[in-house]
Amino acid sequence: MFQNGLFSVTVNILGFNDFFVPNLVDLTGFSNVSSIRIYNVTDPAGLGWDNFQFDVATNPVSTPEPTSTLSLLALGTLGTASTLKRKLKSSKLTEKETTKVS
């Protein structure tokens, strides 16, 4: 049984109890599955299995934190200020050299 919170779908797997038949289930047609239950299974020897339920974890959604955005903005501002200061300093040095020569 597959559940996605809105509805449940029961899938019978043919040959599940047969040892020589591969027990594969193609889940490509399902989306947003939140849990998978396996129950009422008996093997060929007549032994019953426990009931299983697998809860499928949802994909986490990353949310940017405001502090990281502010940190990037602050680093950008510092980098820009440093670059402008360096350019201003180099232009003043060039100015002094030209006035000394003349």
PDB file of N, CA and C in Angstrom:
ATOM      1  N   MET A   1       0.851  -1.166   0.000  1.00  0.00           N
ATOM      2  CA  MET A   1       0.000   0.000   0.000  1.00  0.00           C
ATOM      3  C   MET A   1       0.897   1.228   0.000  1.00  0.00           C
ATOM      4  N   PHE A   2       0.616   2.177  -0.871  1.00  0.00           N
ATOM      5  CA  PHE A   2       1.368   3.419  -0.968  1.00  0.00           C
ATOM      6  C   PHE A   2       0.449   4.560  -0.566  1.00  0.00           C
ATOM      7  N   GLN A   3       0.947   5.454   0.261  1.00  0.00           N
ATOM      8  CA  GLN A   3       0.151   6.596   0.703  1.00  0.00           C
ATOM      9  C   GLN A   3       0.898   7.883   0.417  1.00  0.00           C
ATOM     10  N   ASN A   4       0.165   8.927   0.057  1.00  0.00           N
ATOM     11  CA  ASN A   4       0.779  10.240  -0.079  1.00  0.00           C
ATOM     12  C   ASN A   4       0.049  11.292   0.742  1.00  0.00           C
ATOM     13  N   GLY A   5      -0.719  10.902   1.703  1.00  0.00           N
ATOM     14  CA  GLY A   5      -1.434  11.842   2.549  1.00  0.00           C
ATOM     15  C   GLY A   5      -2.835  12.132   2.043  1.00  0.00           C
ATOM     16  N   LEU A   6      -3.038  12.105   0.736  1.00  0.00           N
ATOM     17  CA  LEU A   6      -4.350  12.387   0.164  1.00  0.00           C
ATOM     18  C   LEU A   6      -5.122  11.109  -0.139  1.00  0.00           C
ATOM     19  N   PHE A   7      -4.416  10.097  -0.609  1.00  0.00           N
ATOM     20  CA  PHE A   7      -5.089   8.846  -0.944  1.00  0.00           C
ATOM     21  C   PHE A   7      -4.124   7.685  -0.756  1.00  0.00           C
ATOM     22  N   SER A   8      -4.665   6.476  -0.768  1.00  0.00           N
ATOM     23  CA  SER A   8      -3.864   5.260  -0.635  1.00  0.00           C
ATOM     24  C   SER A   8      -4.062   4.405  -1.873  1.00  0.00           C
ATOM     25  N   VAL A   9      -3.013   3.741  -2.301  1.00  0.00           N
ATOM     26  CA  VAL A   9      -3.079   2.841  -3.443  1.00  0.00           C
ATOM     27  C   VAL A   9      -2.537   1.497  -2.993  1.00  0.00           C
ATOM     28  N   THR A  10      -3.311   0.440  -3.198  1.00  0.00           N
ATOM     29  CA  THR A  10      -2.861  -0.907  -2.867  1.00  0.00           C
ATOM     30  C   THR A  10      -2.364  -1.569  -4.135  1.00  0.00           C
ATOM     31  N   VAL A  11      -1.168  -2.127  -4.077  1.00  0.00           N
ATOM     32  CA  VAL A  11      -0.565  -2.788  -5.230  1.00  0.00           C
ATOM     33  C   VAL A  11      -0.313  -4.237  -4.858  1.00  0.00           C
ATOM     34  N   ASN A  12      -0.887  -5.157  -5.620  1.00  0.00           N
ATOM     35  CA  ASN A  12      -0.617  -6.578  -5.416  1.00  0.00           C
ATOM     36  C   ASN A  12       0.564  -6.965  -6.287  1.00  0.00           C
ATOM     37  N   ILE A  13       1.557  -7.594  -5.678  1.00  0.00           N
ATOM     38  CA  ILE A  13       2.747  -8.001  -6.406  1.00  0.00           C
ATOM     39  C   ILE A  13       2.600  -9.478  -6.736  1.00  0.00           C
ATOM     40  N   LEU A  14       2.451  -9.771  -8.013  1.00  0.00           N
ATOM     41  CA  LEU A  14       2.292 -11.160  -8.439  1.00  0.00           C
ATOM     42  C   LEU A  14       3.613 -11.896  -8.250  1.00  0.00           C
ATOM     43  N   GLY A  15       3.535 -13.082  -7.715  1.00  0.00           N
ATOM     44  CA  GLY A  15       4.731 -13.879  -7.513  1.00  0.00           C
ATOM     45  C   GLY A  15       5.542 -13.468  -6.315  1.00  0.00           C
ATOM     46  N   PHE A  16       4.966 -12.675  -5.425  1.00  0.00           N
ATOM     47  CA  PHE A  16       5.725 -12.206  -4.261  1.00  0.00           C
ATOM     48  C   PHE A  16       6.129 -13.362  -3.363  1.00  0.00           C
ATOM     49  N   ASN A  17       5.302 -14.386  -3.305  1.00  0.00           N
ATOM     50  CA  ASN A  17       5.614 -15.530  -2.450  1.00  0.00           C
ATOM     51  C   ASN A  17       6.470 -16.580  -3.151  1.00  0.00           C
ATOM     52  N   ASP A  18       6.696 -16.421  -4.442  1.00  0.00           N
ATOM     53  CA  ASP A  18       7.487 -17.387  -5.195  1.00  0.00           C
ATOM     54  C   ASP A  18       8.961 -17.004  -5.109  1.00  0.00           C
ATOM     55  N   PHE A  19       9.788 -17.928  -4.628  1.00  0.00           N
ATOM     56  CA  PHE A  19      11.202 -17.659  -4.412  1.00  0.00           C
ATOM     57  C   PHE A  19      11.931 -17.347  -5.720  1.00  0.00           C
ATOM     58  N   PHE A  20      11.458 -17.898  -6.847  1.00  0.00           N
ATOM     59  CA  PHE A  20      12.173 -17.768  -8.106  1.00  0.00           C
ATOM     60  C   PHE A  20      11.727 -16.566  -8.939  1.00  0.00           C
ATOM     61  N   VAL A  21      10.751 -15.830  -8.483  1.00  0.00           N
ATOM     62  CA  VAL A  21      10.282 -14.648  -9.206  1.00  0.00           C
ATOM     63  C   VAL A  21      10.878 -13.414  -8.538  1.00  0.00           C
ATOM     64  N   PRO A  22      11.548 -12.549  -9.319  1.00  0.00           N
ATOM     65  CA  PRO A  22      12.107 -11.339  -8.699  1.00  0.00           C
ATOM     66  C   PRO A  22      10.994 -10.460  -8.133  1.00  0.00           C
ATOM     67  N   ASN A  23      11.201  -9.961  -6.943  1.00  0.00           N
ATOM     68  CA  ASN A  23      10.188  -9.157  -6.255  1.00  0.00           C
ATOM     69  C   ASN A  23      10.520  -7.673  -6.400  1.00  0.00           C
ATOM     70  N   LEU A  24      10.309  -7.150  -7.580  1.00  0.00           N
ATOM     71  CA  LEU A  24      10.614  -5.748  -7.840  1.00  0.00           C
ATOM     72  C   LEU A  24       9.322  -4.983  -8.071  1.00  0.00           C
ATOM     73  N   VAL A  25       9.275  -3.777  -7.564  1.00  0.00           N
ATOM     74  CA  VAL A  25       8.118  -2.913  -7.768  1.00  0.00           C
ATOM     75  C   VAL A  25       8.612  -1.646  -8.437  1.00  0.00           C
ATOM     76  N   ASP A  26       7.989  -1.273  -9.545  1.00  0.00           N
ATOM     77  CA  ASP A  26       8.362  -0.052 -10.251  1.00  0.00           C
ATOM     78  C   ASP A  26       7.563   1.106  -9.671  1.00  0.00           C
ATOM     79  N   LEU A  27       8.241   2.033  -9.021  1.00  0.00           N
ATOM     80  CA  LEU A  27       7.569   3.165  -8.378  1.00  0.00           C
ATOM     81  C   LEU A  27       7.618   4.431  -9.221  1.00  0.00           C
ATOM     82  N   THR A  28       8.016   4.331 -10.483  1.00  0.00           N
ATOM     83  CA  THR A  28       8.156   5.539 -11.291  1.00  0.00           C
ATOM     84  C   THR A  28       6.817   6.225 -11.547  1.00  0.00           C
ATOM     85  N   GLY A  29       5.719   5.502 -11.487  1.00  0.00           N
ATOM     86  CA  GLY A  29       4.410   6.107 -11.722  1.00  0.00           C
ATOM     87  C   GLY A  29       3.848   6.832 -10.516  1.00  0.00           C
ATOM     88  N   PHE A  30       4.484   6.683  -9.374  1.00  0.00           N
ATOM     89  CA  PHE A  30       3.988   7.301  -8.150  1.00  0.00           C
ATOM     90  C   PHE A  30       4.782   8.563  -7.848  1.00  0.00           C
ATOM     91  N   SER A  31       4.111   9.546  -7.282  1.00  0.00           N
ATOM     92  CA  SER A  31       4.813  10.751  -6.834  1.00  0.00           C
ATOM     93  C   SER A  31       4.276  11.146  -5.469  1.00  0.00           C
ATOM     94  N   ASN A  32       5.094  11.805  -4.703  1.00  0.00           N
ATOM     95  CA  ASN A  32       4.739  12.280  -3.361  1.00  0.00           C
ATOM     96  C   ASN A  32       4.299  11.142  -2.442  1.00  0.00           C
ATOM     97  N   VAL A  33       4.971  10.001  -2.515  1.00  0.00           N
ATOM     98  CA  VAL A  33       4.650   8.871  -1.639  1.00  0.00           C
ATOM     99  C   VAL A  33       5.191   9.179  -0.251  1.00  0.00           C
ATOM    100  N   SER A  34       4.339   9.086   0.766  1.00  0.00           N
ATOM    101  CA  SER A  34       4.773   9.402   2.126  1.00  0.00           C
ATOM    102  C   SER A  34       5.001   8.156   2.970  1.00  0.00           C
ATOM    103  N   SER A  35       4.393   7.022   2.607  1.00  0.00           N
ATOM    104  CA  SER A  35       4.648   5.794   3.359  1.00  0.00           C
ATOM    105  C   SER A  35       4.361   4.582   2.481  1.00  0.00           C
ATOM    106  N   ILE A  36       5.049   3.493   2.811  1.00  0.00           N
ATOM    107  CA  ILE A  36       4.865   2.218   2.119  1.00  0.00           C
ATOM    108  C   ILE A  36       4.612   1.167   3.186  1.00  0.00           C
ATOM    109  N   ARG A  37       3.513   0.419   3.051  1.00  0.00           N
ATOM    110  CA  ARG A  37       3.179  -0.639   4.015  1.00  0.00           C
ATOM    111  C   ARG A  37       3.200  -1.988   3.327  1.00  0.00           C
ATOM    112  N   ILE A  38       3.777  -2.972   4.008  1.00  0.00           N
ATOM    113  CA  ILE A  38       3.770  -4.357   3.529  1.00  0.00           C
ATOM    114  C   ILE A  38       3.139  -5.190   4.631  1.00  0.00           C
ATOM    115  N   TYR A  39       2.039  -5.866   4.308  1.00  0.00           N
ATOM    116  CA  TYR A  39       1.351  -6.640   5.341  1.00  0.00           C
ATOM    117  C   TYR A  39       0.682  -7.860   4.719  1.00  0.00           C
ATOM    118  N   ASN A  40       0.310  -8.797   5.581  1.00  0.00           N
ATOM    119  CA  ASN A  40      -0.339 -10.055   5.185  1.00  0.00           C
ATOM    120  C   ASN A  40       0.487 -10.839   4.169  1.00  0.00           C
ATOM    121  N   VAL A  41       1.777 -10.983   4.442  1.00  0.00           N
ATOM    122  CA  VAL A  41       2.656 -11.718   3.539  1.00  0.00           C
ATOM    123  C   VAL A  41       2.953 -13.084   4.155  1.00  0.00           C
ATOM    124  N   THR A  42       2.812 -14.127   3.352  1.00  0.00           N
ATOM    125  CA  THR A  42       3.134 -15.487   3.785  1.00  0.00           C
ATOM    126  C   THR A  42       4.105 -16.080   2.778  1.00  0.00           C
ATOM    127  N   ASP A  43       5.204 -16.635   3.257  1.00  0.00           N
ATOM    128  CA  ASP A  43       6.175 -17.232   2.340  1.00  0.00           C
ATOM    129  C   ASP A  43       5.721 -18.636   1.933  1.00  0.00           C
ATOM    130  N   PRO A  44       6.401 -19.275   0.957  1.00  0.00           N
ATOM    131  CA  PRO A  44       5.967 -20.593   0.473  1.00  0.00           C
ATOM    132  C   PRO A  44       5.894 -21.659   1.555  1.00  0.00           C
ATOM    133  N   ALA A  45       6.689 -21.541   2.607  1.00  0.00           N
ATOM    134  CA  ALA A  45       6.665 -22.553   3.671  1.00  0.00           C
ATOM    135  C   ALA A  45       5.478 -22.355   4.602  1.00  0.00           C
ATOM    136  N   GLY A  46       4.746 -21.262   4.413  1.00  0.00           N
ATOM    137  CA  GLY A  46       3.579 -21.012   5.243  1.00  0.00           C
ATOM    138  C   GLY A  46       3.860 -20.140   6.453  1.00  0.00           C
ATOM    139  N   LEU A  47       5.081 -19.638   6.550  1.00  0.00           N
ATOM    140  CA  LEU A  47       5.412 -18.755   7.669  1.00  0.00           C
ATOM    141  C   LEU A  47       4.988 -17.327   7.341  1.00  0.00           C
ATOM    142  N   GLY A  48       4.389 -16.657   8.284  1.00  0.00           N
ATOM    143  CA  GLY A  48       3.964 -15.277   8.059  1.00  0.00           C
ATOM    144  C   GLY A  48       5.060 -14.291   8.432  1.00  0.00           C
ATOM    145  N   TRP A  49       5.062 -13.180   7.783  1.00  0.00           N
ATOM    146  CA  TRP A  49       6.008 -12.109   8.090  1.00  0.00           C
ATOM    147  C   TRP A  49       5.317 -11.072   8.945  1.00  0.00           C
ATOM    148  N   ASP A  50       6.127 -10.262   9.589  1.00  0.00           N
ATOM    149  CA  ASP A  50       5.572  -9.120  10.310  1.00  0.00           C
ATOM    150  C   ASP A  50       5.077  -8.086   9.310  1.00  0.00           C
ATOM    151  N   ASN A  51       4.216  -7.229   9.783  1.00  0.00           N
ATOM    152  CA  ASN A  51       3.777  -6.108   8.960  1.00  0.00           C
ATOM    153  C   ASN A  51       4.843  -5.018   9.021  1.00  0.00           C
ATOM    154  N   PHE A  52       5.131  -4.418   7.872  1.00  0.00           N
ATOM    155  CA  PHE A  52       6.145  -3.376   7.785  1.00  0.00           C
ATOM    156  C   PHE A  52       5.507  -2.080   7.325  1.00  0.00           C
ATOM    157  N   GLN A  53       6.032  -0.983   7.805  1.00  0.00           N
ATOM    158  CA  GLN A  53       5.652   0.325   7.272  1.00  0.00           C
ATOM    159  C   GLN A  53       6.909   1.161   7.169  1.00  0.00           C
ATOM    160  N   PHE A  54       7.135   1.727   5.991  1.00  0.00           N
ATOM    161  CA  PHE A  54       8.273   2.604   5.750  1.00  0.00           C
ATOM    162  C   PHE A  54       7.733   4.005   5.516  1.00  0.00           C
ATOM    163  N   ASP A  55       8.137   4.929   6.348  1.00  0.00           N
ATOM    164  CA  ASP A  55       7.761   6.325   6.133  1.00  0.00           C
ATOM    165  C   ASP A  55       8.846   6.975   5.293  1.00  0.00           C
ATOM    166  N   VAL A  56       8.433   7.551   4.191  1.00  0.00           N
ATOM    167  CA  VAL A  56       9.372   8.154   3.255  1.00  0.00           C
ATOM    168  C   VAL A  56       9.627   9.591   3.684  1.00  0.00           C
ATOM    169  N   ALA A  57      10.898   9.934   3.807  1.00  0.00           N
ATOM    170  CA  ALA A  57      11.258  11.300   4.201  1.00  0.00           C
ATOM    171  C   ALA A  57      11.023  12.239   3.025  1.00  0.00           C
ATOM    172  N   THR A  58      10.471  13.391   3.315  1.00  0.00           N
ATOM    173  CA  THR A  58      10.266  14.391   2.274  1.00  0.00           C
ATOM    174  C   THR A  58      11.565  15.144   2.044  1.00  0.00           C
ATOM    175  N   ASN A  59      11.720  15.692   0.862  1.00  0.00           N
ATOM    176  CA  ASN A  59      12.921  16.458   0.545  1.00  0.00           C
ATOM    177  C   ASN A  59      12.904  17.771   1.304  1.00  0.00           C
ATOM    178  N   PRO A  60      13.971  18.068   2.022  1.00  0.00           N
ATOM    179  CA  PRO A  60      14.007  19.341   2.744  1.00  0.00           C
ATOM    180  C   PRO A  60      14.135  20.507   1.772  1.00  0.00           C
ATOM    181  N   VAL A  61      13.510  21.609   2.120  1.00  0.00           N
ATOM    182  CA  VAL A  61      13.591  22.818   1.311  1.00  0.00           C
ATOM    183  C   VAL A  61      14.528  23.777   2.025  1.00  0.00           C
ATOM    184  N   SER A  62      15.580  24.185   1.336  1.00  0.00           N
ATOM    185  CA  SER A  62      16.528  25.089   1.982  1.00  0.00           C
ATOM    186  C   SER A  62      15.964  26.506   1.989  1.00  0.00           C
ATOM    187  N   THR A  63      16.080  27.132   3.130  1.00  0.00           N
ATOM    188  CA  THR A  63      15.622  28.504   3.296  1.00  0.00           C
ATOM    189  C   THR A  63      16.825  29.355   3.669  1.00  0.00           C
ATOM    190  N   PRO A  64      17.145  30.358   2.861  1.00  0.00           N
ATOM    191  CA  PRO A  64      18.306  31.180   3.200  1.00  0.00           C
ATOM    192  C   PRO A  64      18.058  31.955   4.485  1.00  0.00           C
ATOM    193  N   GLU A  65      19.090  32.025   5.299  1.00  0.00           N
ATOM    194  CA  GLU A  65      18.962  32.742   6.557  1.00  0.00           C
ATOM    195  C   GLU A  65      19.311  34.207   6.333  1.00  0.00           C
ATOM    196  N   PRO A  66      18.620  35.113   7.013  1.00  0.00           N
ATOM    197  CA  PRO A  66      18.894  36.538   6.825  1.00  0.00           C
ATOM    198  C   PRO A  66      20.319  36.909   7.218  1.00  0.00           C
ATOM    199  N   THR A  67      20.883  36.231   8.202  1.00  0.00           N
ATOM    200  CA  THR A  67      22.241  36.579   8.628  1.00  0.00           C
ATOM    201  C   THR A  67      23.250  36.271   7.538  1.00  0.00           C
ATOM    202  N   SER A  68      23.044  35.191   6.782  1.00  0.00           N
ATOM    203  CA  SER A  68      23.991  34.888   5.715  1.00  0.00           C
ATOM    204  C   SER A  68      23.875  35.917   4.595  1.00  0.00           C
ATOM    205  N   THR A  69      22.675  36.390   4.312  1.00  0.00           N
ATOM    206  CA  THR A  69      22.491  37.422   3.297  1.00  0.00           C
ATOM    207  C   THR A  69      23.148  38.718   3.746  1.00  0.00           C
ATOM    208  N   LEU A  70      22.963  39.078   5.009  1.00  0.00           N
ATOM    209  CA  LEU A  70      23.590  40.293   5.532  1.00  0.00           C
ATOM    210  C   LEU A  70      25.108  40.164   5.535  1.00  0.00           C
ATOM    211  N   SER A  71      25.614  38.989   5.841  1.00  0.00           N
ATOM    212  CA  SER A  71      27.065  38.774   5.832  1.00  0.00           C
ATOM    213  C   SER A  71      27.629  38.955   4.431  1.00  0.00           C
ATOM    214  N   LEU A  72      26.944  38.402   3.430  1.00  0.00           N
ATOM    215  CA  LEU A  72      27.402  38.567   2.053  1.00  0.00           C
ATOM    216  C   LEU A  72      27.362  40.031   1.627  1.00  0.00           C
ATOM    217  N   LEU A  73      26.335  40.740   2.033  1.00  0.00           N
ATOM    218  CA  LEU A  73      26.233  42.161   1.710  1.00  0.00           C
ATOM    219  C   LEU A  73      27.359  42.945   2.376  1.00  0.00           C
ATOM    220  N   ALA A  74      27.656  42.632   3.635  1.00  0.00           N
ATOM    221  CA  ALA A  74      28.738  43.317   4.355  1.00  0.00           C
ATOM    222  C   ALA A  74      30.089  43.025   3.710  1.00  0.00           C
ATOM    223  N   LEU A  75      30.341  41.769   3.343  1.00  0.00           N
ATOM    224  CA  LEU A  75      31.605  41.436   2.685  1.00  0.00           C
ATOM    225  C   LEU A  75      31.737  42.135   1.334  1.00  0.00           C
ATOM    226  N   GLY A  76      30.658  42.224   0.601  1.00  0.00           N
ATOM    227  CA  GLY A  76      30.678  42.934  -0.678  1.00  0.00           C
ATOM    228  C   GLY A  76      30.985  44.406  -0.500  1.00  0.00           C
ATOM    229  N   THR A  77      30.392  45.007   0.530  1.00  0.00           N
ATOM    230  CA  THR A  77      30.642  46.424   0.812  1.00  0.00           C
ATOM    231  C   THR A  77      32.100  46.643   1.201  1.00  0.00           C
ATOM    232  N   LEU A  78      32.636  45.775   2.058  1.00  0.00           N
ATOM    233  CA  LEU A  78      34.043  45.893   2.455  1.00  0.00           C
ATOM    234  C   LEU A  78      34.978  45.715   1.259  1.00  0.00           C
ATOM    235  N   GLY A  79      34.670  44.770   0.405  1.00  0.00           N
ATOM    236  CA  GLY A  79      35.495  44.551  -0.782  1.00  0.00           C
ATOM    237  C   GLY A  79      35.472  45.741  -1.717  1.00  0.00           C
ATOM    238  N   THR A  80      34.302  46.325  -1.917  1.00  0.00           N
ATOM    239  CA  THR A  80      34.180  47.499  -2.782  1.00  0.00           C
ATOM    240  C   THR A  80      34.932  48.678  -2.184  1.00  0.00           C
ATOM    241  N   ALA A  81      34.769  48.897  -0.880  1.00  0.00           N
ATOM    242  CA  ALA A  81      35.462  50.010  -0.214  1.00  0.00           C
ATOM    243  C   ALA A  81      36.972  49.822  -0.296  1.00  0.00           C
ATOM    244  N   SER A  82      37.447  48.607  -0.098  1.00  0.00           N
ATOM    245  CA  SER A  82      38.881  48.332  -0.173  1.00  0.00           C
ATOM    246  C   SER A  82      39.418  48.596  -1.575  1.00  0.00           C
ATOM    247  N   THR A  83      38.685  48.177  -2.585  1.00  0.00           N
ATOM    248  CA  THR A  83      39.109  48.396  -3.970  1.00  0.00           C
ATOM    249  C   THR A  83      39.150  49.882  -4.295  1.00  0.00           C
ATOM    250  N   LEU A  84      38.133  50.622  -3.896  1.00  0.00           N
ATOM    251  CA  LEU A  84      38.106  52.065  -4.156  1.00  0.00           C
ATOM    252  C   LEU A  84      39.241  52.775  -3.430  1.00  0.00           C
ATOM    253  N   LYS A  85      39.511  52.365  -2.199  1.00  0.00           N
ATOM    254  CA  LYS A  85      40.586  52.976  -1.418  1.00  0.00           C
ATOM    255  C   LYS A  85      41.939  52.718  -2.087  1.00  0.00           C
ATOM    256  N   ARG A  86      42.148  51.512  -2.573  1.00  0.00           N
ATOM    257  CA  ARG A  86      43.401  51.175  -3.244  1.00  0.00           C
ATOM    258  C   ARG A  86      43.564  51.982  -4.523  1.00  0.00           C
ATOM    259  N   LYS A  87      42.493  52.137  -5.297  1.00  0.00           N
ATOM    260  CA  LYS A  87      42.564  52.913  -6.535  1.00  0.00           C
ATOM    261  C   LYS A  87      42.843  54.384  -6.237  1.00  0.00           C
ATOM    262  N   LEU A  88      42.206  54.903  -5.194  1.00  0.00           N
ATOM    263  CA  LEU A  88      42.415  56.299  -4.821  1.00  0.00           C
ATOM    264  C   LEU A  88      43.857  56.517  -4.372  1.00  0.00           C
ATOM    265  N   LYS A  89      44.398  55.583  -3.604  1.00  0.00           N
ATOM    266  CA  LYS A  89      45.769  55.684  -3.113  1.00  0.00           C
ATOM    267  C   LYS A  89      46.760  55.631  -4.278  1.00  0.00           C
ATOM    268  N   SER A  90      46.526  54.731  -5.230  1.00  0.00           N
ATOM    269  CA  SER A  90      47.437  54.616  -6.374  1.00  0.00           C
ATOM    270  C   SER A  90      47.360  55.854  -7.265  1.00  0.00           C
ATOM    271  N   SER A  91      46.187  56.460  -7.396  1.00  0.00           N
ATOM    272  CA  SER A  91      46.076  57.673  -8.216  1.00  0.00           C
ATOM    273  C   SER A  91      46.770  58.848  -7.539  1.00  0.00           C
ATOM    274  N   LYS A  92      46.755  58.919  -6.201  1.00  0.00           N
ATOM    275  CA  LYS A  92      47.463  59.982  -5.485  1.00  0.00           C
ATOM    276  C   LYS A  92      48.974  59.813  -5.641  1.00  0.00           C
ATOM    277  N   LEU A  93      49.472  58.565  -5.598  1.00  0.00           N
ATOM    278  CA  LEU A  93      50.898  58.318  -5.792  1.00  0.00           C
ATOM    279  C   LEU A  93      51.327  58.725  -7.194  1.00  0.00           C
ATOM    280  N   THR A  94      50.524  58.439  -8.178  1.00  0.00           N
ATOM    281  CA  THR A  94      50.829  58.813  -9.555  1.00  0.00           C
ATOM    282  C   THR A  94      50.854  60.329  -9.684  1.00  0.00           C
ATOM    283  N   GLU A  95      49.945  61.011  -9.017  1.00  0.00           N
ATOM    284  CA  GLU A  95      49.881  62.471  -9.043  1.00  0.00           C
ATOM    285  C   GLU A  95      51.145  63.077  -8.443  1.00  0.00           C
ATOM    286  N   LYS A  96      51.606  62.533  -7.300  1.00  0.00           N
ATOM    287  CA  LYS A  96      52.804  63.038  -6.633  1.00  0.00           C
ATOM    288  C   LYS A  96      54.030  62.844  -7.516  1.00  0.00           C
ATOM    289  N   GLU A  97      54.136  61.710  -8.192  1.00  0.00           N
ATOM    290  CA  GLU A  97      55.285  61.442  -9.047  1.00  0.00           C
ATOM    291  C   GLU A  97      55.323  62.408 -10.219  1.00  0.00           C
ATOM    292  N   THR A  98      54.185  62.728 -10.785  1.00  0.00           N
ATOM    293  CA  THR A  98      54.160  63.643 -11.926  1.00  0.00           C
ATOM    294  C   THR A  98      54.496  65.061 -11.487  1.00  0.00           C
ATOM    295  N   THR A  99      54.116  65.462 -10.277  1.00  0.00           N
ATOM    296  CA  THR A  99      54.440  66.819  -9.816  1.00  0.00           C
ATOM    297  C   THR A  99      55.913  66.926  -9.461  1.00  0.00           C
ATOM    298  N   LYS A 100      56.566  65.869  -8.975  1.00  0.00           N
ATOM    299  CA  LYS A 100      57.984  65.895  -8.644  1.00  0.00           C
ATOM    300  C   LYS A 100      58.827  65.999  -9.907  1.00  0.00           C
ATOM    301  N   VAL A 101      58.441  65.358 -10.967  1.00  0.00           N
ATOM    302  CA  VAL A 101      59.199  65.350 -12.212  1.00  0.00           C
ATOM    303  C   VAL A 101      59.179  66.726 -12.843  1.00  0.00           C
ATOM    304  N   SER A 102      58.109  67.445 -12.786  1.00  0.00           N
ATOM    305  CA  SER A 102      58.007  68.735 -13.446  1.00  0.00           C
ATOM    306  C   SER A 102      58.469  69.801 -12.535  1.00  0.00           C
TER     307      SER A 102
END
